[in-house]
């Protein structure tokens, strides 16, 4: 039972997303994996470094933030 409690208490991994205009956003991994592009990037390069979104400006990520809990760094 304590094993289940430990899994439940764990904080989700935070993924950093780098917009095309160099603004950094932080989002939980489960939310980030909702995007096929970001999910593929996580598989390819992992979550240690920020994932560059070369064609996505910060204004778009902020609008997406209304639908998903994004946090600006």
C-alpha atoms as a PDB file:
ATOM      1  CA  UNK A   1       0.000   0.000   0.000  1.00  0.00           C
ATOM      2  CA  UNK A   2       2.843   2.425   0.712  1.00  0.00           C
ATOM      3  CA  UNK A   3       4.120   1.717  -2.786  1.00  0.00           C
ATOM      4  CA  UNK A   4       0.886   3.057  -4.288  1.00  0.00           C
ATOM      5  CA  UNK A   5       1.020   6.101  -2.069  1.00  0.00           C
ATOM      6  CA  UNK A   6       4.584   6.873  -3.248  1.00  0.00           C
ATOM      7  CA  UNK A   7       3.528   6.657  -6.898  1.00  0.00           C
ATOM      8  CA  UNK A   8       0.542   8.917  -6.253  1.00  0.00           C
ATOM      9  CA  UNK A   9       2.632  11.493  -4.369  1.00  0.00           C
ATOM     10  CA  UNK A  10       5.231  11.846  -7.132  1.00  0.00           C
ATOM     11  CA  UNK A  11       5.228  15.127  -8.984  1.00  0.00           C
ATOM     12  CA  UNK A  12       4.951  14.810 -12.777  1.00  0.00           C
ATOM     13  CA  UNK A  13       8.048  15.524 -14.798  1.00  0.00           C
ATOM     14  CA  UNK A  14       8.230  19.134 -16.023  1.00  0.00           C
ATOM     15  CA  UNK A  15       9.054  19.674 -19.698  1.00  0.00           C
ATOM     16  CA  UNK A  16      10.495  22.945 -21.002  1.00  0.00           C
ATOM     17  CA  UNK A  17       9.279  24.263 -24.348  1.00  0.00           C
ATOM     18  CA  UNK A  18      11.241  26.946 -26.191  1.00  0.00           C
ATOM     19  CA  UNK A  19       9.170  29.150 -28.492  1.00  0.00           C
ATOM     20  CA  UNK A  20      10.447  30.494 -31.803  1.00  0.00           C
ATOM     21  CA  UNK A  21      10.994  33.884 -30.144  1.00  0.00           C
ATOM     22  CA  UNK A  22      13.075  32.317 -27.340  1.00  0.00           C
ATOM     23  CA  UNK A  23      10.534  32.373 -24.510  1.00  0.00           C
ATOM     24  CA  UNK A  24      10.639  29.369 -22.211  1.00  0.00           C
ATOM     25  CA  UNK A  25       7.461  27.626 -21.054  1.00  0.00           C
ATOM     26  CA  UNK A  26       7.212  24.826 -18.504  1.00  0.00           C
ATOM     27  CA  UNK A  27       4.478  22.222 -18.640  1.00  0.00           C
ATOM     28  CA  UNK A  28       3.892  18.844 -17.028  1.00  0.00           C
ATOM     29  CA  UNK A  29       4.857  15.850 -19.145  1.00  0.00           C
ATOM     30  CA  UNK A  30       1.316  14.413 -19.367  1.00  0.00           C
ATOM     31  CA  UNK A  31       0.055  17.729 -20.754  1.00  0.00           C
ATOM     32  CA  UNK A  32       3.014  18.024 -23.150  1.00  0.00           C
ATOM     33  CA  UNK A  33       2.399  14.508 -24.477  1.00  0.00           C
ATOM     34  CA  UNK A  34      -1.043  15.598 -25.689  1.00  0.00           C
ATOM     35  CA  UNK A  35       0.803  17.107 -28.648  1.00  0.00           C
ATOM     36  CA  UNK A  36       2.043  14.539 -31.142  1.00  0.00           C
ATOM     37  CA  UNK A  37       4.998  16.737 -32.128  1.00  0.00           C
ATOM     38  CA  UNK A  38       6.116  17.276 -28.533  1.00  0.00           C
ATOM     39  CA  UNK A  39       5.534  13.618 -27.660  1.00  0.00           C
ATOM     40  CA  UNK A  40       7.776  12.581 -30.575  1.00  0.00           C
ATOM     41  CA  UNK A  41      10.427  15.085 -29.505  1.00  0.00           C
ATOM     42  CA  UNK A  42      10.366  13.672 -25.970  1.00  0.00           C
ATOM     43  CA  UNK A  43      10.936  10.202 -27.404  1.00  0.00           C
ATOM     44  CA  UNK A  44      13.800  11.440 -29.601  1.00  0.00           C
ATOM     45  CA  UNK A  45      15.673  13.878 -27.359  1.00  0.00           C
ATOM     46  CA  UNK A  46      14.207  13.390 -23.893  1.00  0.00           C
ATOM     47  CA  UNK A  47      13.093  15.988 -21.394  1.00  0.00           C
ATOM     48  CA  UNK A  48      16.424  17.214 -20.037  1.00  0.00           C
ATOM     49  CA  UNK A  49      16.854  20.055 -22.519  1.00  0.00           C
ATOM     50  CA  UNK A  50      14.169  22.502 -23.664  1.00  0.00           C
ATOM     51  CA  UNK A  51      12.253  21.288 -26.703  1.00  0.00           C
ATOM     52  CA  UNK A  52      12.569  23.894 -29.463  1.00  0.00           C
ATOM     53  CA  UNK A  53       9.333  24.738 -31.241  1.00  0.00           C
ATOM     54  CA  UNK A  54      10.818  26.567 -34.197  1.00  0.00           C
ATOM     55  CA  UNK A  55       7.522  27.514 -35.843  1.00  0.00           C
ATOM     56  CA  UNK A  56       5.530  28.347 -32.708  1.00  0.00           C
ATOM     57  CA  UNK A  57       5.784  31.879 -31.265  1.00  0.00           C
ATOM     58  CA  UNK A  58       5.170  32.609 -27.588  1.00  0.00           C
ATOM     59  CA  UNK A  59       1.828  34.261 -28.371  1.00  0.00           C
ATOM     60  CA  UNK A  60       0.505  30.926 -29.661  1.00  0.00           C
ATOM     61  CA  UNK A  61       1.832  29.018 -26.642  1.00  0.00           C
ATOM     62  CA  UNK A  62       0.158  31.551 -24.352  1.00  0.00           C
ATOM     63  CA  UNK A  63      -3.156  31.004 -26.140  1.00  0.00           C
ATOM     64  CA  UNK A  64      -2.714  27.250 -25.811  1.00  0.00           C
ATOM     65  CA  UNK A  65      -2.091  27.925 -22.127  1.00  0.00           C
ATOM     66  CA  UNK A  66      -5.760  28.818 -21.786  1.00  0.00           C
ATOM     67  CA  UNK A  67      -6.620  25.223 -22.700  1.00  0.00           C
ATOM     68  CA  UNK A  68      -3.783  23.522 -20.804  1.00  0.00           C
ATOM     69  CA  UNK A  69      -1.944  24.593 -17.632  1.00  0.00           C
ATOM     70  CA  UNK A  70       1.268  26.133 -19.023  1.00  0.00           C
ATOM     71  CA  UNK A  71       3.544  28.193 -16.779  1.00  0.00           C
ATOM     72  CA  UNK A  72       5.808  30.893 -18.137  1.00  0.00           C
ATOM     73  CA  UNK A  73       9.317  30.771 -16.624  1.00  0.00           C
END
